[in-house]
């Protein structure tokens, strides 16, 4: 609904509780890349934010990961 949920810096995380349904997210509205998440009851989803490409011209992207990948990603950014 074009609402900014969070501005995260490297190594930060954001948690959200959602009802069952379909949700759409953007890592950066300038890229217009939409990430679709199908939420089902009783599940936890881990989403990683990263850049596709290098620091200066890379595009932000979101992807589903496992809990282990998510924890490792946070540990690597500390």
N, C-alpha and C. Protein backbone atom coordinates (compact mmCIF):
# COMPACT_ATOMS: atom_id res chain seq x y z
N UNK A 1 0.83 -1.20 0.00
CA UNK A 1 0.00 0.00 0.00
C UNK A 1 0.86 1.24 0.00
N UNK A 2 2.04 1.14 -0.60
CA UNK A 2 2.96 2.26 -0.69
C UNK A 2 3.31 2.86 0.66
N UNK A 3 3.50 2.01 1.66
CA UNK A 3 3.86 2.43 3.00
C UNK A 3 5.27 1.95 3.31
N UNK A 4 6.13 2.87 3.74
CA UNK A 4 7.47 2.48 4.12
C UNK A 4 7.41 1.80 5.48
N UNK A 5 7.94 0.59 5.55
CA UNK A 5 7.90 -0.19 6.78
C UNK A 5 9.14 0.03 7.64
N UNK A 6 10.29 0.12 7.00
CA UNK A 6 11.54 0.25 7.75
C UNK A 6 12.67 0.71 6.84
N UNK A 7 13.63 1.40 7.43
CA UNK A 7 14.88 1.71 6.75
C UNK A 7 15.95 0.98 7.53
N UNK A 8 16.55 0.00 6.89
CA UNK A 8 17.51 -0.84 7.58
C UNK A 8 18.93 -0.55 7.10
N UNK A 9 19.84 -0.56 8.06
CA UNK A 9 21.25 -0.45 7.74
C UNK A 9 21.85 -1.85 7.79
N UNK A 10 23.04 -1.97 7.30
CA UNK A 10 23.74 -3.26 7.26
C UNK A 10 23.69 -3.94 8.63
N UNK A 11 23.26 -5.20 8.64
CA UNK A 11 23.21 -5.98 9.86
C UNK A 11 21.96 -5.81 10.70
N UNK A 12 21.06 -4.92 10.31
CA UNK A 12 19.83 -4.72 11.06
C UNK A 12 18.74 -5.66 10.55
N UNK A 13 17.73 -5.85 11.39
CA UNK A 13 16.61 -6.70 10.99
C UNK A 13 15.30 -6.04 11.34
N UNK A 14 14.26 -6.51 10.69
CA UNK A 14 12.90 -6.00 10.88
C UNK A 14 11.98 -7.20 11.01
N UNK A 15 11.08 -7.16 11.98
CA UNK A 15 10.15 -8.27 12.19
C UNK A 15 8.73 -7.76 12.02
N UNK A 16 7.90 -8.57 11.37
CA UNK A 16 6.51 -8.20 11.11
C UNK A 16 5.64 -9.44 11.27
N UNK A 17 4.51 -9.29 11.95
CA UNK A 17 3.54 -10.37 12.08
C UNK A 17 2.44 -10.14 11.06
N UNK A 18 2.16 -11.15 10.25
CA UNK A 18 1.21 -11.01 9.15
C UNK A 18 0.11 -12.06 9.23
N UNK A 19 -1.06 -11.70 8.77
CA UNK A 19 -2.15 -12.66 8.60
C UNK A 19 -1.92 -13.44 7.31
N UNK A 20 -2.55 -14.58 7.18
CA UNK A 20 -2.45 -15.37 5.96
C UNK A 20 -2.88 -14.51 4.77
N UNK A 21 -2.13 -14.61 3.67
CA UNK A 21 -2.46 -13.85 2.48
C UNK A 21 -1.25 -13.60 1.61
N UNK A 22 -1.43 -12.75 0.62
CA UNK A 22 -0.37 -12.39 -0.32
C UNK A 22 0.08 -10.97 -0.04
N UNK A 23 1.38 -10.79 0.04
CA UNK A 23 1.96 -9.48 0.33
C UNK A 23 3.00 -9.15 -0.73
N UNK A 24 3.14 -7.87 -1.00
CA UNK A 24 4.10 -7.39 -1.98
C UNK A 24 5.02 -6.38 -1.32
N UNK A 25 6.32 -6.54 -1.56
CA UNK A 25 7.33 -5.66 -0.97
C UNK A 25 8.28 -5.15 -2.05
N UNK A 26 8.92 -4.03 -1.74
CA UNK A 26 9.97 -3.48 -2.60
C UNK A 26 11.16 -3.14 -1.70
N UNK A 27 12.35 -3.52 -2.10
CA UNK A 27 13.54 -3.14 -1.35
C UNK A 27 13.84 -1.67 -1.57
N UNK A 28 13.51 -1.17 -2.74
CA UNK A 28 13.73 0.24 -3.09
C UNK A 28 12.72 0.60 -4.18
N UNK A 29 11.83 1.57 -3.91
CA UNK A 29 10.82 1.94 -4.91
C UNK A 29 11.41 2.41 -6.24
N UNK A 30 12.63 2.92 -6.23
CA UNK A 30 13.26 3.40 -7.46
C UNK A 30 13.52 2.27 -8.45
N UNK A 31 13.72 1.04 -7.95
CA UNK A 31 14.00 -0.08 -8.84
C UNK A 31 12.73 -0.68 -9.42
N UNK A 32 11.61 -0.46 -8.76
CA UNK A 32 10.31 -1.00 -9.18
C UNK A 32 10.29 -2.52 -9.23
N UNK A 33 11.21 -3.18 -8.52
CA UNK A 33 11.22 -4.64 -8.44
C UNK A 33 10.32 -5.06 -7.28
N UNK A 34 9.32 -5.85 -7.57
CA UNK A 34 8.34 -6.25 -6.56
C UNK A 34 8.63 -7.67 -6.10
N UNK A 35 8.63 -7.87 -4.79
CA UNK A 35 8.85 -9.17 -4.17
C UNK A 35 7.50 -9.63 -3.63
N UNK A 36 7.05 -10.80 -4.08
CA UNK A 36 5.74 -11.35 -3.67
C UNK A 36 5.96 -12.42 -2.61
N UNK A 37 5.22 -12.33 -1.51
CA UNK A 37 5.32 -13.29 -0.43
C UNK A 37 3.94 -13.87 -0.13
N UNK A 38 3.82 -15.18 -0.29
CA UNK A 38 2.58 -15.90 0.02
C UNK A 38 2.69 -16.42 1.46
N UNK A 39 1.93 -15.86 2.36
CA UNK A 39 2.00 -16.20 3.78
C UNK A 39 0.92 -17.21 4.13
N UNK A 40 1.33 -18.31 4.79
CA UNK A 40 0.37 -19.29 5.27
C UNK A 40 0.47 -19.36 6.79
N UNK A 41 -0.62 -19.73 7.43
CA UNK A 41 -0.69 -19.75 8.89
C UNK A 41 0.34 -20.70 9.49
N UNK A 42 0.93 -20.28 10.60
CA UNK A 42 1.84 -21.12 11.35
C UNK A 42 3.26 -21.17 10.84
N UNK A 43 3.60 -20.41 9.82
CA UNK A 43 4.95 -20.43 9.24
C UNK A 43 5.70 -19.15 9.56
N UNK A 44 7.02 -19.27 9.63
CA UNK A 44 7.90 -18.11 9.78
C UNK A 44 8.72 -18.01 8.50
N UNK A 45 8.83 -16.81 7.96
CA UNK A 45 9.57 -16.57 6.73
C UNK A 45 10.75 -15.66 7.02
N UNK A 46 11.89 -15.99 6.44
CA UNK A 46 13.10 -15.20 6.59
C UNK A 46 13.44 -14.62 5.22
N UNK A 47 13.53 -13.31 5.17
CA UNK A 47 13.78 -12.61 3.92
C UNK A 47 15.11 -11.87 4.03
N UNK A 48 15.99 -12.09 3.07
CA UNK A 48 17.26 -11.39 3.05
C UNK A 48 17.21 -10.23 2.06
N UNK A 49 17.76 -9.12 2.47
CA UNK A 49 17.92 -7.98 1.57
C UNK A 49 19.38 -7.93 1.15
N UNK A 50 19.62 -7.75 -0.13
CA UNK A 50 20.99 -7.69 -0.63
C UNK A 50 21.01 -6.80 -1.86
N UNK A 51 22.20 -6.67 -2.44
CA UNK A 51 22.34 -5.89 -3.67
C UNK A 51 22.79 -6.80 -4.79
N UNK A 52 22.16 -6.64 -5.94
CA UNK A 52 22.53 -7.39 -7.14
C UNK A 52 23.52 -6.52 -7.91
N UNK A 53 24.78 -6.86 -7.88
CA UNK A 53 25.81 -6.05 -8.53
C UNK A 53 26.74 -5.46 -7.49
N UNK A 54 27.48 -4.42 -7.87
CA UNK A 54 28.43 -3.84 -6.92
C UNK A 54 27.80 -2.73 -6.09
N UNK A 55 28.58 -2.20 -5.16
CA UNK A 55 28.08 -1.21 -4.20
C UNK A 55 27.49 0.02 -4.88
N UNK A 56 28.13 0.51 -5.93
CA UNK A 56 27.72 1.78 -6.53
C UNK A 56 26.55 1.66 -7.50
N UNK A 57 26.47 0.57 -8.25
CA UNK A 57 25.38 0.47 -9.21
C UNK A 57 24.50 -0.76 -9.01
N UNK A 58 24.67 -1.43 -7.87
CA UNK A 58 23.85 -2.61 -7.58
C UNK A 58 22.42 -2.23 -7.24
N UNK A 59 21.50 -3.12 -7.56
CA UNK A 59 20.09 -2.88 -7.27
C UNK A 59 19.69 -3.70 -6.04
N UNK A 60 18.99 -3.08 -5.09
CA UNK A 60 18.53 -3.82 -3.93
C UNK A 60 17.55 -4.91 -4.34
N UNK A 61 17.62 -6.05 -3.64
CA UNK A 61 16.71 -7.14 -3.93
C UNK A 61 16.36 -7.88 -2.63
N UNK A 62 15.23 -8.56 -2.63
CA UNK A 62 14.75 -9.35 -1.51
C UNK A 62 14.62 -10.80 -1.95
N UNK A 63 14.93 -11.74 -1.05
CA UNK A 63 14.79 -13.16 -1.38
C UNK A 63 14.49 -13.95 -0.11
N UNK A 64 13.73 -15.02 -0.27
CA UNK A 64 13.42 -15.92 0.84
C UNK A 64 14.67 -16.74 1.15
N UNK A 65 14.94 -16.95 2.44
CA UNK A 65 16.08 -17.78 2.85
C UNK A 65 15.66 -18.73 3.95
N UNK A 66 16.56 -19.62 4.30
CA UNK A 66 16.32 -20.50 5.44
C UNK A 66 16.72 -19.75 6.71
N UNK A 67 16.30 -20.25 7.86
CA UNK A 67 16.67 -19.62 9.12
C UNK A 67 18.19 -19.64 9.29
N UNK A 68 18.86 -20.72 8.88
CA UNK A 68 20.31 -20.81 8.99
C UNK A 68 21.00 -19.76 8.12
N UNK A 69 20.58 -19.62 6.88
CA UNK A 69 21.15 -18.60 5.98
C UNK A 69 20.93 -17.21 6.56
N UNK A 70 19.75 -16.99 7.10
CA UNK A 70 19.41 -15.69 7.68
C UNK A 70 20.33 -15.37 8.86
N UNK A 71 20.49 -16.32 9.78
CA UNK A 71 21.35 -16.12 10.95
C UNK A 71 22.80 -15.91 10.54
N UNK A 72 23.27 -16.67 9.55
CA UNK A 72 24.64 -16.50 9.07
C UNK A 72 24.83 -15.13 8.44
N UNK A 73 23.85 -14.66 7.72
CA UNK A 73 23.93 -13.35 7.09
C UNK A 73 24.05 -12.25 8.14
N UNK A 74 23.25 -12.34 9.20
CA UNK A 74 23.33 -11.35 10.28
C UNK A 74 24.68 -11.43 10.99
N UNK A 75 25.19 -12.63 11.22
CA UNK A 75 26.46 -12.80 11.91
C UNK A 75 27.61 -12.24 11.07
N UNK A 76 27.55 -12.38 9.75
CA UNK A 76 28.59 -11.89 8.86
C UNK A 76 28.63 -10.38 8.76
N UNK A 77 27.54 -9.73 9.13
CA UNK A 77 27.46 -8.27 8.99
C UNK A 77 27.82 -7.54 10.28
N UNK A 78 28.10 -8.29 11.33
CA UNK A 78 28.45 -7.65 12.61
C UNK A 78 29.92 -7.31 12.65
